[in-house]
Amino acid sequence: MQPKFFITTAIPYTNGEPHIGHLLEFIQADVIARHQRLAGKEVFFLTGTDEHGIKIEETAKSRGKSAKEFVDEISGLFRRSAEALNVSFDFFIRTTDKEKHWPNVAKIWRAIKDSDDIYKGHYSGKYCVGCEKYLVESDLENGLCPIHKTEPIAIDEDNYFFKLAKYQNELKQLIETDELKVVPEFRKAEVLSFIDSGLQDVSFSRPKEKLSWGIPVPDDDTQVIYVWADALTNYLSGVEYASAGGKFQRFWPPDLQIVGKDIWKFHALIWPAMLLSAHLPLPKALMIHGFLTVAGEKISKSLGNGISPQAIMQKFGVGSDAVRYFFLREINPFEDGDYSDEKFVARYNGDLANGIGNLSARVLKLGNLYGKELKLKENDFSEKIETAWQEYEKLMAEYKFNEVLALINGLVSEGDSYVNEHKPWTLLKELTTDNSQPTTEAGEQFKKTLSSLVLLLGNLAWMLSPFMPQASENILIILGIAGKSSVRNAENPELVEGWIGRKIRFSEYPSLFPRI
């Protein structure tokens, strides 16, 4: 049986339209999912939208819509934005789905209650509506929520509570030993430091009279399940935990969960504690990424700078690959990053138009000028390509997407230098002009030079395929080898040696990345 790989994103909160800050995570997860498929694994890639809570109810009302109408519209926008970015998710979960999500929430609630980890209590404190999050004084900056820069509301009510503190020591041990691996390492240290400061039980419901837009607590319709307890369960809903059928048995637990730095406490503490209480296996790894700003400013409704990926594509006349490339190359996945039109144009022209686009055009022109079927020969790049693949796989395993693309750009530069050094245009002029295969020294050298460039470009296409799937396919079309097996594993020859002796004929194709 194929090995499996289950990957999830956090599900964005549908109180506003999607922008590049939301969708960066979708792209990162997609790169990993595509890479795992190339490794021959059966991948299940889950994403979706979080659709309950006070903020959504308030926003819908302010727009003259019912909560259901509003979340239907916003969830559709998120899904279409992900599709526009060529995100290859396998399932899109919605927390308002009463058939696919709600039964899973009820099941885990009852499992936690059966473990005696849910109890009725009184909560008096602060709550940020924007975060849908309970806050203590140490969370605040000058009395304000550090994310939304607003004063939290005061809450005084009877709720159900979850015994998070009960799992403090177990969580610490799981994270310290990497049984639940937190990436990057400095976030792991942050999580452990927070645990050492002492965990407290958390409110797990709201009175229905104060929050009607949510999932009712099982066996108590006067209370609604806290939106985060509802949302976190989506990871179970995607694999049909409620029925515990074949999909759940096959894919649970997640191999990797990707979340933003503002919600790691939910995913590194509350979520695994819920699973421990319900006697379910924990996710294997949690990757925590940074925030995205626009021209140095935080993305906010008041500034109106929440750019959509489609807007970038339309403005510059580029495809999804160019947008994917910018965010994956420009931004360290574990740190904060910044977008501006100027940065986008510079990165696009420098790396894509003048880089892989230019090299592809040079090889294609050489191949079509040669005009004959080319039998690939032993080449000058074998050692460099194999070394590059080893470094590629190491960096991919560490989720260092920007460094992977820097490695690829280095190979592109090697290819351009190789063309300049070997001057295949001069060799081509020396070839015979009739239909016979050239036998001159120049002819053999030309074929070796062109073979070397084809093998380099083909390997670059496969290296790029998780990042820029369309451009990767187009390069393989140019080389006349699209659709060939690209799985690198023990059953398949290495991509370099496996191509030697293959006969190819070049195809015409428009410029991959016309200069902006």
Protein backbone atom coordinates (compact mmCIF):
# COMPACT_ATOMS: atom_id res chain seq x y z
CA MET A 1 0.00 0.00 0.00
CA GLN A 2 1.14 3.55 -0.73
CA PRO A 3 2.32 5.49 2.31
CA LYS A 4 -0.13 8.24 3.25
CA PHE A 5 0.34 11.93 4.01
CA PHE A 6 -2.41 14.01 5.64
CA ILE A 7 -1.84 17.79 5.60
CA THR A 8 -4.10 20.59 6.83
CA THR A 9 -4.20 24.37 6.84
CA ALA A 10 -5.91 26.40 9.51
CA ILE A 11 -9.35 27.37 8.26
CA PRO A 12 -9.69 31.15 7.77
CA TYR A 13 -12.39 33.03 9.62
CA THR A 14 -15.11 34.24 7.26
CA ASN A 15 -15.78 37.70 8.67
CA GLY A 16 -14.29 39.36 5.58
CA GLU A 17 -13.07 38.80 2.03
CA PRO A 18 -9.91 36.75 1.43
CA HIS A 19 -6.57 38.44 0.81
CA ILE A 20 -2.96 37.39 0.27
CA GLY A 21 -2.36 37.18 4.02
CA HIS A 22 -4.91 34.37 4.28
CA LEU A 23 -3.85 32.55 1.15
CA LEU A 24 -0.10 32.42 1.80
CA GLU A 25 -0.77 29.42 4.04
CA PHE A 26 -2.77 27.69 1.29
CA ILE A 27 0.19 28.02 -1.08
CA GLN A 28 2.69 26.72 1.48
CA ALA A 29 0.53 23.67 2.19
CA ASP A 30 0.04 23.06 -1.53
CA VAL A 31 3.80 22.94 -2.14
CA ILE A 32 4.17 20.26 0.53
CA ALA A 33 1.16 18.30 -0.73
CA ARG A 34 2.44 18.30 -4.32
CA HIS A 35 5.95 17.34 -3.20
CA GLN A 36 4.58 14.41 -1.21
CA ARG A 37 2.58 13.24 -4.23
CA LEU A 38 5.76 13.33 -6.33
CA ALA A 39 7.33 11.10 -3.68
CA GLY A 40 4.64 8.53 -4.42
CA LYS A 41 2.46 9.08 -1.34
CA GLU A 42 -1.32 9.11 -1.16
CA VAL A 43 -2.00 12.65 -0.02
CA PHE A 44 -5.10 14.03 1.66
CA PHE A 45 -4.99 17.83 1.70
CA LEU A 46 -7.67 19.50 3.82
CA THR A 47 -8.63 23.15 3.99
CA GLY A 48 -11.86 25.09 4.41
CA THR A 49 -13.52 27.96 6.29
CA ASP A 50 -14.44 28.77 9.91
CA GLU A 51 -17.97 30.21 9.89
CA HIS A 52 -19.39 30.63 13.41
CA GLY A 53 -19.05 33.25 16.13
CA ILE A 54 -20.07 36.72 17.29
CA LYS A 55 -17.93 38.63 14.79
CA ILE A 56 -19.54 36.91 11.81
CA GLU A 57 -23.01 37.47 13.19
CA GLU A 58 -22.25 41.19 13.69
CA THR A 59 -20.61 41.66 10.28
CA ALA A 60 -23.47 39.92 8.47
CA LYS A 61 -25.99 42.16 10.23
CA SER A 62 -24.02 45.28 9.32
CA ARG A 63 -24.21 44.25 5.65
CA GLY A 64 -27.94 43.57 5.77
CA LYS A 65 -27.58 39.80 5.38
CA SER A 66 -28.34 36.73 7.42
CA ALA A 67 -25.32 34.98 8.88
CA LYS A 68 -25.91 32.03 6.54
CA GLU A 69 -26.09 34.22 3.42
CA PHE A 70 -22.95 36.05 4.47
CA VAL A 71 -20.79 32.96 5.17
CA ASP A 72 -21.98 31.27 1.99
CA GLU A 73 -20.71 34.26 0.03
CA ILE A 74 -17.38 34.63 1.86
CA SER A 75 -16.62 30.90 1.94
CA GLY A 76 -17.21 30.81 -1.82
CA LEU A 77 -14.70 33.63 -2.27
CA PHE A 78 -12.08 31.75 -0.25
CA ARG A 79 -12.61 28.59 -2.25
CA ARG A 80 -12.40 30.42 -5.59
CA SER A 81 -9.24 32.26 -4.47
CA ALA A 82 -7.60 28.96 -3.56
CA GLU A 83 -8.60 27.51 -6.92
CA ALA A 84 -7.28 30.61 -8.71
CA LEU A 85 -3.91 29.93 -7.06
CA ASN A 86 -4.01 26.31 -8.28
CA VAL A 87 -4.19 24.94 -4.73
CA SER A 88 -4.73 21.18 -5.02
CA PHE A 89 -6.86 20.57 -1.92
CA ASP A 90 -8.73 17.28 -1.69
CA PHE A 91 -11.53 18.47 0.55
CA PHE A 92 -12.90 21.89 1.54
CA ILE A 93 -14.64 21.73 4.91
CA ARG A 94 -17.16 24.31 6.13
CA THR A 95 -18.04 24.52 9.81
CA THR A 96 -21.66 25.39 8.97
CA ASP A 97 -22.05 22.03 7.21
CA LYS A 98 -24.52 20.20 9.44
CA GLU A 99 -23.93 16.89 7.69
CA LYS A 100 -20.14 16.77 7.31
CA HIS A 101 -18.98 18.82 10.33
CA TRP A 102 -21.53 19.04 13.14
CA PRO A 103 -21.70 15.28 13.97
CA ASN A 104 -17.92 15.27 14.46
CA VAL A 105 -18.11 18.20 16.88
CA ALA A 106 -20.80 16.45 18.90
CA LYS A 107 -18.80 13.22 18.99
CA ILE A 108 -15.58 14.76 20.29
CA TRP A 109 -17.50 16.87 22.83
CA ARG A 110 -19.07 13.71 24.25
CA ALA A 111 -15.71 11.87 24.19
CA ILE A 112 -14.09 14.70 26.19
CA LYS A 113 -17.03 14.79 28.57
CA ASP A 114 -16.79 11.01 29.04
CA SER A 115 -13.20 11.58 30.17
CA ASP A 116 -14.61 13.94 32.83
CA ASP A 117 -12.77 16.88 31.24
CA ILE A 118 -15.77 19.17 30.71
CA TYR A 119 -17.49 20.85 33.65
CA LYS A 120 -19.88 23.74 34.27
CA GLY A 121 -18.34 26.90 35.71
CA HIS A 122 -18.45 30.68 35.80
CA TYR A 123 -16.32 32.90 33.58
CA SER A 124 -15.57 36.51 34.35
CA GLY A 125 -12.97 38.19 32.19
CA LYS A 126 -12.08 39.68 28.82
CA TYR A 127 -12.93 38.51 25.31
CA CYS A 128 -11.71 39.77 21.92
CA VAL A 129 -14.53 39.48 19.42
CA GLY A 130 -12.11 39.88 16.48
CA CYS A 131 -10.01 36.91 17.64
CA GLU A 132 -13.00 35.04 19.12
CA LYS A 133 -10.59 34.51 21.97
CA TYR A 134 -10.56 34.80 25.78
CA LEU A 135 -7.75 37.06 26.99
CA VAL A 136 -5.94 37.58 30.29
CA GLU A 137 -4.07 40.71 31.30
CA SER A 138 -0.72 39.27 30.17
CA ASP A 139 -2.15 38.89 26.64
CA LEU A 140 -2.91 42.62 26.33
CA GLU A 141 -0.75 45.51 25.19
CA ASN A 142 -1.76 48.78 26.88
CA GLY A 143 -5.11 47.19 27.62
CA LEU A 144 -5.72 46.28 23.96
CA CYS A 145 -5.73 43.08 21.93
CA PRO A 146 -2.27 43.01 20.31
CA ILE A 147 -3.72 41.75 17.01
CA HIS A 148 -6.78 43.97 16.54
CA LYS A 149 -5.67 46.96 18.67
CA THR A 150 -9.14 47.08 20.26
CA GLU A 151 -10.26 46.86 23.87
CA PRO A 152 -11.74 43.44 24.64
CA ILE A 153 -15.29 43.21 25.95
CA ALA A 154 -16.03 42.20 29.55
CA ILE A 155 -17.76 38.85 29.95
CA ASP A 156 -19.50 37.52 33.07
CA GLU A 157 -21.41 34.30 32.43
CA ASP A 158 -21.89 30.60 33.18
CA ASN A 159 -20.10 28.37 30.66
CA TYR A 160 -18.75 24.90 30.21
CA PHE A 161 -14.99 24.60 30.80
CA PHE A 162 -12.35 22.23 29.42
CA LYS A 163 -9.65 20.88 31.79
CA LEU A 164 -6.64 22.11 29.83
CA ALA A 165 -4.47 22.38 32.95
CA LYS A 166 -4.83 18.63 33.50
CA TYR A 167 -2.72 17.99 30.40
CA GLN A 168 0.07 20.50 31.09
CA ASN A 169 2.81 18.00 31.94
CA GLU A 170 1.84 15.56 29.20
CA LEU A 171 1.82 18.32 26.57
CA LYS A 172 5.23 19.51 27.70
CA GLN A 173 6.71 16.02 27.39
CA LEU A 174 5.15 15.43 23.95
CA ILE A 175 6.55 18.68 22.59
CA GLU A 176 9.97 18.37 24.25
CA THR A 177 10.47 14.90 22.75
CA ASP A 178 9.12 15.96 19.32
CA GLU A 179 6.34 13.40 19.47
CA LEU A 180 4.38 16.51 18.55
CA LYS A 181 7.06 18.30 16.57
CA VAL A 182 6.81 22.10 16.49
CA VAL A 183 8.59 23.85 13.62
CA PRO A 184 10.57 26.12 13.63
CA GLU A 185 12.68 25.49 16.72
CA PHE A 186 12.23 29.00 18.14
CA ARG A 187 8.45 28.49 18.15
CA LYS A 188 8.93 25.22 20.01
CA ALA A 189 10.85 27.13 22.68
CA GLU A 190 8.04 29.70 22.80
CA VAL A 191 5.41 26.98 23.29
CA LEU A 192 7.40 25.29 26.06
CA SER A 193 7.98 28.60 27.81
CA PHE A 194 4.25 29.30 27.76
CA ILE A 195 3.51 25.86 29.22
CA ASP A 196 6.04 26.47 31.98
CA SER A 197 4.18 29.66 32.91
CA GLY A 198 1.19 27.47 33.81
CA LEU A 199 -1.89 26.43 31.83
CA GLN A 200 -5.42 27.27 32.94
CA ASP A 201 -8.70 25.59 32.12
CA VAL A 202 -10.50 27.29 29.22
CA SER A 203 -14.09 28.27 28.65
CA PHE A 204 -15.59 25.95 26.06
CA SER A 205 -19.05 27.41 25.44
CA ARG A 206 -21.14 30.62 25.39
CA PRO A 207 -24.75 31.12 26.47
CA LYS A 208 -27.05 30.82 23.47
CA GLU A 209 -28.76 34.07 24.46
CA LYS A 210 -25.45 35.86 23.78
CA LEU A 211 -24.35 33.81 20.76
CA SER A 212 -26.95 32.14 18.59
CA TRP A 213 -24.70 31.58 15.54
CA GLY A 214 -22.91 28.38 16.45
CA ILE A 215 -23.24 24.66 17.20
CA PRO A 216 -25.42 23.78 20.22
CA VAL A 217 -23.76 21.95 23.11
CA PRO A 218 -24.90 18.29 23.01
CA ASP A 219 -27.67 17.71 25.56
CA ASP A 220 -27.81 21.41 26.54
CA ASP A 221 -29.40 23.71 24.00
CA THR A 222 -28.98 26.73 26.28
CA GLN A 223 -25.24 26.78 25.40
CA VAL A 224 -23.33 27.06 22.13
CA ILE A 225 -19.91 25.44 21.65
CA TYR A 226 -17.01 27.90 21.75
CA VAL A 227 -16.08 28.75 18.17
CA TRP A 228 -12.49 27.50 18.53
CA ALA A 229 -13.57 24.11 19.91
CA ASP A 230 -15.90 23.89 16.93
CA ALA A 231 -13.27 25.06 14.41
CA LEU A 232 -10.43 22.82 15.57
CA THR A 233 -12.63 19.77 15.09
CA ASN A 234 -12.68 20.44 11.33
CA TYR A 235 -9.50 18.38 11.03
CA LEU A 236 -11.44 15.35 12.25
CA SER A 237 -14.48 16.22 10.13
CA GLY A 238 -12.42 16.13 6.95
CA VAL A 239 -11.61 12.45 7.46
CA GLU A 240 -15.08 11.50 8.76
CA TYR A 241 -14.26 10.88 12.42
CA ALA A 242 -17.95 10.63 13.36
CA SER A 243 -18.38 7.47 11.28
CA ALA A 244 -14.82 6.24 11.97
CA GLY A 245 -14.79 4.59 8.56
CA GLY A 246 -12.09 3.85 6.03
CA LYS A 247 -11.02 7.44 5.45
CA PHE A 248 -10.48 8.05 9.17
CA GLN A 249 -8.63 4.75 9.60
CA ARG A 250 -6.46 5.49 6.58
CA PHE A 251 -5.44 9.09 7.18
CA TRP A 252 -5.67 9.98 10.88
CA PRO A 253 -3.56 11.50 12.42
CA PRO A 254 -2.36 14.49 10.37
CA ASP A 255 1.27 14.30 9.32
CA LEU A 256 1.54 18.09 9.23
CA GLN A 257 -0.66 20.98 10.28
CA ILE A 258 0.18 24.53 9.14
CA VAL A 259 -0.97 27.56 11.13
CA GLY A 260 -0.13 31.23 11.62
CA LYS A 261 1.84 32.52 14.59
CA ASP A 262 -1.28 34.19 16.08
CA ILE A 263 -3.08 30.88 16.65
CA TRP A 264 -0.35 28.50 17.78
CA LYS A 265 -1.75 28.39 21.35
CA PHE A 266 -4.93 26.78 20.06
CA HIS A 267 -3.05 24.26 17.92
CA ALA A 268 -0.10 23.46 20.19
CA LEU A 269 -2.07 23.38 23.47
CA ILE A 270 -5.89 23.23 23.33
CA TRP A 271 -6.13 21.03 20.23
CA PRO A 272 -3.70 18.29 21.31
CA ALA A 273 -5.21 18.35 24.82
CA MET A 274 -8.66 17.79 23.28
CA LEU A 275 -7.28 14.81 21.35
CA LEU A 276 -5.59 13.38 24.44
CA SER A 277 -8.86 13.67 26.33
CA ALA A 278 -10.76 11.96 23.49
CA HIS A 279 -8.08 9.20 23.33
CA LEU A 280 -7.12 10.04 19.75
CA PRO A 281 -3.62 10.06 18.20
CA LEU A 282 -2.00 13.49 17.96
CA PRO A 283 -0.77 15.24 14.80
CA LYS A 284 2.86 14.45 14.05
CA ALA A 285 4.03 18.00 13.33
CA LEU A 286 2.91 21.61 13.57
CA MET A 287 4.46 24.24 11.28
CA ILE A 288 4.03 27.86 12.39
CA HIS A 289 4.46 30.65 9.85
CA GLY A 290 4.75 34.43 10.17
CA PHE A 291 2.54 37.34 9.15
CA LEU A 292 2.35 39.20 5.86
CA THR A 293 2.33 42.97 5.50
CA VAL A 294 1.67 45.16 2.45
CA ALA A 295 4.25 47.88 1.76
CA GLY A 296 5.28 47.66 5.40
CA GLU A 297 1.74 48.08 6.77
CA LYS A 298 -0.35 45.49 8.60
CA ILE A 299 -3.21 44.21 6.43
CA SER A 300 -6.41 45.77 7.78
CA LYS A 301 -9.88 46.78 6.68
CA SER A 302 -9.31 50.38 7.81
CA LEU A 303 -6.31 50.73 5.47
CA GLY A 304 -8.08 48.86 2.67
CA ASN A 305 -4.85 47.06 1.74
CA GLY A 306 -6.11 43.49 1.73
CA ILE A 307 -5.02 42.66 -1.82
CA SER A 308 -6.42 39.51 -3.42
CA PRO A 309 -4.17 37.25 -5.48
CA GLN A 310 -6.53 37.65 -8.42
CA ALA A 311 -5.98 41.43 -8.28
CA ILE A 312 -2.21 40.93 -8.61
CA MET A 313 -2.70 38.60 -11.59
CA GLN A 314 -5.03 41.06 -13.31
CA LYS A 315 -2.86 44.11 -12.61
CA PHE A 316 0.30 42.61 -14.11
CA GLY A 317 -1.21 40.17 -16.60
CA VAL A 318 0.43 37.14 -14.99
CA GLY A 319 -0.75 33.67 -14.02
CA SER A 320 -1.04 31.97 -10.66
CA ASP A 321 2.49 30.56 -10.88
CA ALA A 322 4.02 34.04 -10.74
CA VAL A 323 2.04 34.94 -7.61
CA ARG A 324 2.86 31.62 -5.95
CA TYR A 325 6.53 32.07 -6.80
CA PHE A 326 6.78 35.56 -5.31
CA PHE A 327 5.43 34.61 -1.89
CA LEU A 328 7.39 31.35 -1.71
CA ARG A 329 10.68 32.91 -2.84
CA GLU A 330 10.48 36.36 -1.27
CA ILE A 331 9.34 35.30 2.22
CA ASN A 332 11.02 33.13 4.82
CA PRO A 333 8.14 30.79 5.76
CA PHE A 334 8.87 31.14 9.48
CA GLU A 335 9.26 34.93 9.62
CA ASP A 336 7.11 37.93 8.77
CA GLY A 337 7.23 39.05 5.14
CA ASP A 338 6.15 41.99 3.03
CA TYR A 339 4.45 42.47 -0.33
CA SER A 340 4.64 45.52 -2.57
CA ASP A 341 4.05 45.96 -6.29
CA GLU A 342 7.67 47.07 -6.70
CA LYS A 343 8.99 43.94 -5.00
CA PHE A 344 6.70 41.76 -7.10
CA VAL A 345 7.86 43.27 -10.41
CA ALA A 346 11.54 43.09 -9.42
CA ARG A 347 11.28 39.44 -8.33
CA TYR A 348 9.20 38.48 -11.39
CA ASN A 349 11.51 40.12 -13.92
CA GLY A 350 14.70 39.06 -12.17
CA ASP A 351 13.92 35.43 -11.36
CA LEU A 352 11.21 34.43 -13.83
CA ALA A 353 11.47 36.54 -17.00
CA ASN A 354 15.27 36.83 -16.96
CA GLY A 355 15.78 33.51 -15.16
CA ILE A 356 13.95 30.24 -15.84
CA GLY A 357 11.89 31.90 -18.62
CA ASN A 358 14.98 33.07 -20.46
CA LEU A 359 16.82 29.76 -20.08
CA SER A 360 13.78 27.84 -21.36
CA ALA A 361 13.55 30.16 -24.38
CA ARG A 362 17.25 29.70 -25.21
CA VAL A 363 17.03 25.90 -25.05
CA LEU A 364 13.81 25.85 -27.07
CA LYS A 365 15.31 28.06 -29.76
CA LEU A 366 18.40 25.86 -30.01
CA GLY A 367 16.28 22.72 -30.24
CA ASN A 368 14.02 24.08 -32.94
CA LEU A 369 16.91 25.48 -34.96
CA TYR A 370 18.47 22.02 -34.82
CA GLY A 371 15.11 20.68 -35.99
CA LYS A 372 15.87 17.00 -35.60
CA GLU A 373 15.05 14.33 -33.07
CA LEU A 374 17.66 14.47 -30.30
CA LYS A 375 18.89 11.36 -28.54
CA LEU A 376 19.97 12.45 -25.08
CA LYS A 377 23.64 11.79 -24.37
CA GLU A 378 25.80 11.59 -21.29
CA ASN A 379 25.95 15.16 -20.11
CA ASP A 380 27.89 17.79 -18.23
CA PHE A 381 25.36 18.38 -15.45
CA SER A 382 24.85 14.90 -13.94
CA GLU A 383 26.92 15.48 -10.82
CA LYS A 384 25.59 18.97 -10.18
CA ILE A 385 21.99 17.86 -10.63
CA GLU A 386 22.34 14.91 -8.27
CA THR A 387 23.97 17.09 -5.63
CA ALA A 388 21.22 19.66 -6.09
CA TRP A 389 18.51 17.01 -5.65
CA GLN A 390 20.03 15.94 -2.33
CA GLU A 391 20.04 19.53 -1.07
CA TYR A 392 16.56 20.07 -2.51
CA GLU A 393 15.09 17.15 -0.57
CA LYS A 394 16.82 18.26 2.63
CA LEU A 395 15.44 21.80 2.37
CA MET A 396 11.96 20.58 1.42
CA ALA A 397 11.91 18.35 4.50
CA GLU A 398 12.65 21.47 6.55
CA TYR A 399 9.94 23.51 4.72
CA LYS A 400 12.51 26.13 3.68
CA PHE A 401 10.73 27.04 0.46
CA ASN A 402 12.63 30.27 -0.14
CA GLU A 403 15.95 28.43 0.09
CA VAL A 404 14.75 25.71 -2.29
CA LEU A 405 13.92 28.35 -4.88
CA ALA A 406 17.27 30.06 -4.31
CA LEU A 407 18.91 26.68 -5.01
CA ILE A 408 16.90 26.35 -8.24
CA ASN A 409 17.85 29.87 -9.29
CA GLY A 410 21.49 28.92 -8.81
CA LEU A 411 21.04 26.04 -11.27
CA VAL A 412 19.34 28.39 -13.75
CA SER A 413 22.39 30.67 -13.56
CA GLU A 414 24.62 27.63 -14.13
CA GLY A 415 22.63 26.85 -17.26
CA ASP A 416 22.98 30.38 -18.61
CA SER A 417 26.72 30.38 -17.93
CA TYR A 418 27.01 27.03 -19.68
CA VAL A 419 25.33 28.42 -22.81
CA ASN A 420 27.62 31.46 -22.81
CA GLU A 421 30.72 29.31 -22.34
CA HIS A 422 29.96 26.57 -24.91
CA LYS A 423 28.49 28.88 -27.59
CA PRO A 424 26.11 26.29 -29.12
CA TRP A 425 25.00 28.88 -31.73
CA THR A 426 28.51 28.76 -33.22
CA LEU A 427 28.52 24.94 -33.16
CA LEU A 428 25.13 24.87 -34.87
CA LYS A 429 26.43 26.93 -37.80
CA GLU A 430 29.10 24.31 -38.45
CA LEU A 431 26.61 21.47 -38.86
CA THR A 432 25.73 20.08 -42.27
CA THR A 433 22.59 21.52 -43.80
CA ASP A 434 21.31 18.31 -45.43
CA ASN A 435 19.12 15.71 -43.73
CA SER A 436 21.96 13.43 -42.64
CA GLN A 437 22.96 13.30 -39.00
CA PRO A 438 26.07 15.43 -38.48
CA THR A 439 29.23 13.45 -37.86
CA THR A 440 31.59 16.34 -37.33
CA GLU A 441 33.20 17.05 -33.99
CA ALA A 442 31.11 20.22 -33.84
CA GLY A 443 27.95 18.17 -34.36
CA GLU A 444 28.75 15.76 -31.52
CA GLN A 445 29.68 18.62 -29.24
CA PHE A 446 26.46 20.44 -30.11
CA LYS A 447 24.35 17.36 -29.32
CA LYS A 448 26.12 16.92 -26.00
CA THR A 449 25.66 20.60 -25.16
CA LEU A 450 21.97 20.53 -26.06
CA SER A 451 21.49 17.23 -24.20
CA SER A 452 23.07 18.74 -21.12
CA LEU A 453 20.75 21.74 -21.28
CA VAL A 454 17.69 19.54 -21.80
CA LEU A 455 18.56 17.37 -18.81
CA LEU A 456 19.19 20.42 -16.65
CA LEU A 457 15.96 22.11 -17.73
CA GLY A 458 13.92 18.94 -17.29
CA ASN A 459 15.18 18.47 -13.75
CA LEU A 460 14.49 22.12 -13.02
CA ALA A 461 10.93 21.58 -14.22
CA TRP A 462 10.43 18.73 -11.75
CA MET A 463 12.04 20.69 -8.93
CA LEU A 464 9.68 23.58 -9.69
CA SER A 465 6.54 21.49 -10.05
CA PRO A 466 5.36 21.82 -6.40
CA PHE A 467 5.91 25.58 -6.59
CA MET A 468 4.83 26.46 -10.13
CA PRO A 469 2.87 23.47 -11.46
CA GLN A 470 1.74 25.09 -14.71
CA ALA A 471 5.17 26.43 -15.65
CA SER A 472 6.69 23.05 -14.83
CA GLU A 473 4.29 21.28 -17.17
CA ASN A 474 4.90 23.87 -19.88
CA ILE A 475 8.67 23.32 -19.71
CA LEU A 476 8.15 19.58 -20.11
CA ILE A 477 5.89 20.30 -23.11
CA ILE A 478 8.65 22.46 -24.61
CA LEU A 479 11.06 19.56 -24.23
CA GLY A 480 8.59 17.09 -25.69
CA ILE A 481 8.49 14.92 -22.56
CA ALA A 482 5.31 16.03 -20.78
CA GLY A 483 3.38 13.31 -18.98
CA LYS A 484 6.39 11.13 -18.26
CA SER A 485 6.74 9.58 -14.81
CA SER A 486 8.22 12.03 -12.33
CA VAL A 487 8.16 10.01 -9.11
CA ARG A 488 11.58 9.82 -7.49
CA ASN A 489 11.72 6.66 -5.43
CA ALA A 490 13.37 3.25 -5.32
CA GLU A 491 11.16 1.88 -8.11
CA ASN A 492 12.00 4.67 -10.55
CA PRO A 493 15.36 5.56 -12.11
CA GLU A 494 17.04 8.77 -11.06
CA LEU A 495 15.88 11.61 -13.25
CA VAL A 496 19.35 12.19 -14.68
CA GLU A 497 20.42 8.66 -15.54
CA GLY A 498 16.88 7.60 -16.41
CA TRP A 499 16.74 10.05 -19.30
CA ILE A 500 19.98 9.09 -21.03
CA GLY A 501 19.19 7.53 -24.41
CA ARG A 502 15.67 8.97 -24.57
CA LYS A 503 14.71 10.48 -27.93
CA ILE A 504 12.92 13.80 -27.83
CA ARG A 505 11.60 16.40 -30.26
CA PHE A 506 11.06 19.98 -29.20
CA SER A 507 7.67 21.68 -29.22
CA GLU A 508 6.81 25.29 -29.92
CA TYR A 509 5.53 27.24 -26.91
CA PRO A 510 5.00 30.94 -26.17
CA SER A 511 7.25 32.71 -23.70
CA LEU A 512 6.75 31.34 -20.19
CA PHE A 513 7.19 34.64 -18.37
CA PRO A 514 6.99 37.72 -20.62
CA ARG A 515 8.78 40.60 -18.97
CA ILE A 516 6.61 43.08 -17.05
